[in-house]
Amino acid sequence: MKLKITEKRLAANRKNSLLGAAKCKENADTKYLANPSFCQHCNGILLRKKKKNKFCGSSCAAKHNNAIAPKRKAAVHNCPNCNKEIKNLDGRYCSIDCYEYHRRKYKTEEERIDAVRKNVRAVSANYRARLRNQTPPDADLVAIKKMYANCPEGYEVDHIIPISKGGLHVLENLQYLPATENRRKSNKIV
């Protein structure tokens, strides 16, 4: 059996529920105001909704925390690159230029070009030898790479018996030759 609720009764229920909620809130507010929570910084009364908070706002929290833990002081040290004295909280270098210069592997353009040339020679010789399967598994690749890296200026690393003629890519088959001689020799066996 369904109960019929008239419009009059429904309106009365709504009014009573709103009045009851307002009365409940008013009771809670008066109870809270009897024993309120206070902001730790400014001692202002906190809202009842925020009674578990320690501060009334972010500005009070920041002021309180800054008073407890003051900001770090700038440390004085020298730039590792130019040795200029700097006062700075977090940087080791006086400028971005010093940082970039210090991180460079090659300090001059000539050093970089020389290193690139040596690396290209070693890589291309290794590639050619690998293509022809002429690098034996027991070859000392580190020593071969060092030979290419330590090549004197104006000289090139030459295969005594050229790879194209069946020579192996091993340390015993390598020698230093002046660039002009190496070009003249080409792939001949001398």
Protein backbone atom coordinates (compact mmCIF):
# COMPACT_ATOMS: atom_id res chain seq x y z
CA MET A 1 0.00 0.00 0.00
CA LYS A 2 1.42 3.35 -1.06
CA LEU A 3 1.18 6.39 1.11
CA LYS A 4 0.00 9.47 -0.60
CA ILE A 5 1.89 12.59 0.21
CA THR A 6 0.05 15.73 -0.49
CA GLU A 7 1.64 18.87 -1.80
CA LYS A 8 0.99 20.60 1.49
CA ARG A 9 2.73 17.84 3.46
CA LEU A 10 5.68 17.78 1.01
CA ALA A 11 6.18 21.54 1.38
CA ALA A 12 6.10 21.22 5.17
CA ASN A 13 8.75 18.45 5.06
CA ARG A 14 11.03 20.56 2.90
CA LYS A 15 10.66 23.55 5.21
CA ASN A 16 11.39 21.44 8.30
CA SER A 17 14.46 19.81 6.71
CA LEU A 18 15.91 23.20 5.73
CA LEU A 19 15.19 24.60 9.17
CA GLY A 20 16.66 21.48 10.78
CA ALA A 21 19.86 21.72 8.72
CA ALA A 22 20.22 25.42 9.49
CA LYS A 23 19.60 24.77 13.20
CA CYS A 24 22.17 21.91 13.18
CA LYS A 25 24.78 24.14 11.52
CA GLU A 26 24.05 26.96 13.95
CA ASN A 27 24.48 24.59 16.90
CA ALA A 28 27.81 23.32 15.50
CA ASP A 29 29.05 26.90 14.94
CA THR A 30 28.20 27.99 18.49
CA LYS A 31 29.81 24.85 19.90
CA TYR A 32 33.00 25.49 17.83
CA LEU A 33 33.15 29.18 18.83
CA ALA A 34 33.17 28.13 22.49
CA ASN A 35 36.54 26.34 21.87
CA PRO A 36 37.95 27.48 18.48
CA SER A 37 41.26 26.62 16.75
CA PHE A 38 43.74 29.45 16.13
CA CYS A 39 46.26 30.20 13.37
CA GLN A 40 49.81 29.48 14.59
CA HIS A 41 51.16 32.65 12.98
CA CYS A 42 48.61 35.44 13.39
CA ASN A 43 46.42 33.85 16.14
CA GLY A 44 43.28 34.52 14.09
CA ILE A 45 40.32 32.16 14.54
CA LEU A 46 40.21 29.44 11.91
CA LEU A 47 36.95 28.65 10.14
CA ARG A 48 35.06 25.66 11.50
CA LYS A 49 35.47 23.87 8.16
CA LYS A 50 39.25 24.33 8.40
CA LYS A 51 39.66 23.67 12.12
CA LYS A 52 42.24 20.92 11.48
CA ASN A 53 44.55 23.34 9.64
CA LYS A 54 47.49 24.99 11.42
CA PHE A 55 47.35 28.29 9.50
CA CYS A 56 44.54 30.50 8.21
CA GLY A 57 46.12 30.77 4.75
CA SER A 58 49.18 30.15 2.62
CA SER A 59 50.69 33.56 3.42
CA CYS A 60 50.69 32.83 7.18
CA ALA A 61 52.19 29.39 6.54
CA ALA A 62 54.98 30.90 4.38
CA LYS A 63 55.77 33.64 6.92
CA HIS A 64 55.89 31.11 9.74
CA ASN A 65 58.14 28.68 7.83
CA ASN A 66 60.50 31.46 6.70
CA ALA A 67 60.89 32.64 10.30
CA ILE A 68 61.79 29.11 11.44
CA ALA A 69 64.12 28.18 8.56
CA PRO A 70 65.74 31.29 7.04
CA LYS A 71 66.92 31.17 3.44
CA ARG A 72 70.40 29.85 2.66
CA LYS A 73 73.19 32.34 2.25
CA ALA A 74 75.13 32.45 -0.98
CA ALA A 75 78.37 30.48 -0.86
CA VAL A 76 81.52 32.12 -2.23
CA HIS A 77 83.66 29.95 -4.48
CA ASN A 78 85.73 30.16 -7.66
CA CYS A 79 84.61 29.18 -11.15
CA PRO A 80 86.52 25.98 -12.10
CA ASN A 81 87.03 27.27 -15.64
CA CYS A 82 88.14 30.91 -15.34
CA ASN A 83 88.86 30.99 -11.57
CA LYS A 84 86.66 34.08 -11.15
CA GLU A 85 85.14 34.47 -7.65
CA ILE A 86 81.37 33.96 -7.67
CA LYS A 87 78.63 34.27 -5.06
CA ASN A 88 75.94 31.89 -6.09
CA LEU A 89 73.56 29.45 -4.38
CA ASP A 90 73.50 26.56 -6.79
CA GLY A 91 75.88 27.13 -9.72
CA ARG A 92 79.49 26.04 -9.96
CA TYR A 93 80.31 28.22 -12.98
CA CYS A 94 80.19 32.00 -13.39
CA SER A 95 78.40 31.83 -16.75
CA ILE A 96 76.89 29.46 -19.30
CA ASP A 97 79.92 30.02 -21.54
CA CYS A 98 82.30 28.79 -18.80
CA TYR A 99 80.08 25.78 -18.17
CA GLU A 100 79.97 24.86 -21.87
CA TYR A 101 83.71 25.39 -22.34
CA HIS A 102 84.53 23.24 -19.30
CA ARG A 103 82.31 20.40 -20.58
CA ARG A 104 83.91 20.35 -24.04
CA LYS A 105 85.86 17.24 -24.85
CA TYR A 106 88.11 19.17 -27.24
CA LYS A 107 89.13 22.67 -26.26
CA THR A 108 90.16 23.83 -29.75
CA GLU A 109 88.73 23.22 -33.19
CA GLU A 110 92.03 21.66 -34.34
CA GLU A 111 91.86 19.06 -31.53
CA ARG A 112 88.30 18.17 -32.54
CA ILE A 113 89.13 17.85 -36.26
CA ASP A 114 92.21 15.74 -35.50
CA ALA A 115 90.20 13.40 -33.27
CA VAL A 116 87.45 13.08 -35.88
CA ARG A 117 89.98 12.24 -38.60
CA LYS A 118 91.65 9.54 -36.47
CA ASN A 119 88.32 8.07 -35.55
CA VAL A 120 87.10 8.07 -39.17
CA ARG A 121 90.26 6.30 -40.32
CA ALA A 122 89.98 3.60 -37.66
CA VAL A 123 86.28 3.07 -38.23
CA SER A 124 86.54 2.92 -42.01
CA ALA A 125 89.47 0.46 -41.91
CA ASN A 126 87.61 -1.69 -39.43
CA TYR A 127 84.49 -1.55 -41.62
CA ARG A 128 86.39 -2.58 -44.75
CA ALA A 129 88.06 -5.45 -42.88
CA ARG A 130 84.74 -6.62 -41.46
CA LEU A 131 83.16 -6.58 -44.91
CA ARG A 132 85.80 -8.97 -46.14
CA ASN A 133 85.85 -10.99 -42.88
CA GLN A 134 89.53 -10.20 -42.48
CA THR A 135 89.55 -9.29 -38.80
CA PRO A 136 90.28 -12.53 -36.96
CA PRO A 137 88.34 -13.14 -33.72
CA ASP A 138 91.55 -13.08 -31.65
CA ALA A 139 92.69 -9.66 -33.02
CA ASP A 140 93.48 -7.09 -30.34
CA LEU A 141 90.97 -4.40 -31.37
CA VAL A 142 91.94 -2.10 -28.51
CA ALA A 143 95.59 -2.08 -29.62
CA ILE A 144 94.54 -1.47 -33.24
CA LYS A 145 92.37 1.46 -32.14
CA LYS A 146 95.29 2.88 -30.10
CA MET A 147 97.54 2.62 -33.15
CA TYR A 148 95.06 4.72 -35.14
CA ALA A 149 94.68 7.20 -32.24
CA ASN A 150 98.47 7.63 -31.82
CA CYS A 151 99.18 8.15 -35.51
CA PRO A 152 101.68 11.05 -35.91
CA GLU A 153 100.58 14.13 -37.80
CA GLY A 154 101.18 13.88 -41.54
CA TYR A 155 101.21 10.07 -41.37
CA GLU A 156 98.52 7.47 -42.00
CA VAL A 157 98.08 3.90 -40.81
CA ASP A 158 98.76 1.55 -43.72
CA HIS A 159 98.11 -2.17 -44.17
CA ILE A 160 101.40 -3.77 -45.22
CA ILE A 161 99.47 -6.41 -47.16
CA PRO A 162 96.35 -4.53 -48.34
CA ILE A 163 92.95 -5.79 -47.22
CA SER A 164 91.87 -5.94 -50.87
CA LYS A 165 94.75 -8.40 -51.53
CA GLY A 166 93.85 -10.69 -48.60
CA GLY A 167 95.79 -8.98 -45.78
CA LEU A 168 94.39 -9.25 -42.27
CA HIS A 169 93.31 -6.35 -40.09
CA VAL A 170 95.73 -7.17 -37.25
CA LEU A 171 98.39 -5.15 -35.43
CA GLU A 172 101.26 -7.03 -37.15
CA ASN A 173 99.93 -5.97 -40.59
CA LEU A 174 99.79 -2.23 -39.76
CA GLN A 175 102.46 0.45 -40.16
CA TYR A 176 102.76 4.23 -40.24
CA LEU A 177 103.42 5.76 -43.67
CA PRO A 178 103.54 9.40 -44.75
CA ALA A 179 100.22 10.36 -46.34
CA THR A 180 101.78 10.91 -49.79
CA GLU A 181 103.55 7.51 -49.69
CA ASN A 182 100.36 5.76 -48.58
CA ARG A 183 98.43 7.30 -51.47
CA ARG A 184 101.21 6.34 -53.91
CA LYS A 185 101.30 2.77 -52.57
CA SER A 186 97.52 2.44 -52.86
CA ASN A 187 96.66 -1.32 -52.73
CA LYS A 188 100.04 -2.61 -53.95
CA ILE A 189 102.25 -5.00 -52.00
CA VAL A 190 105.71 -3.42 -51.70
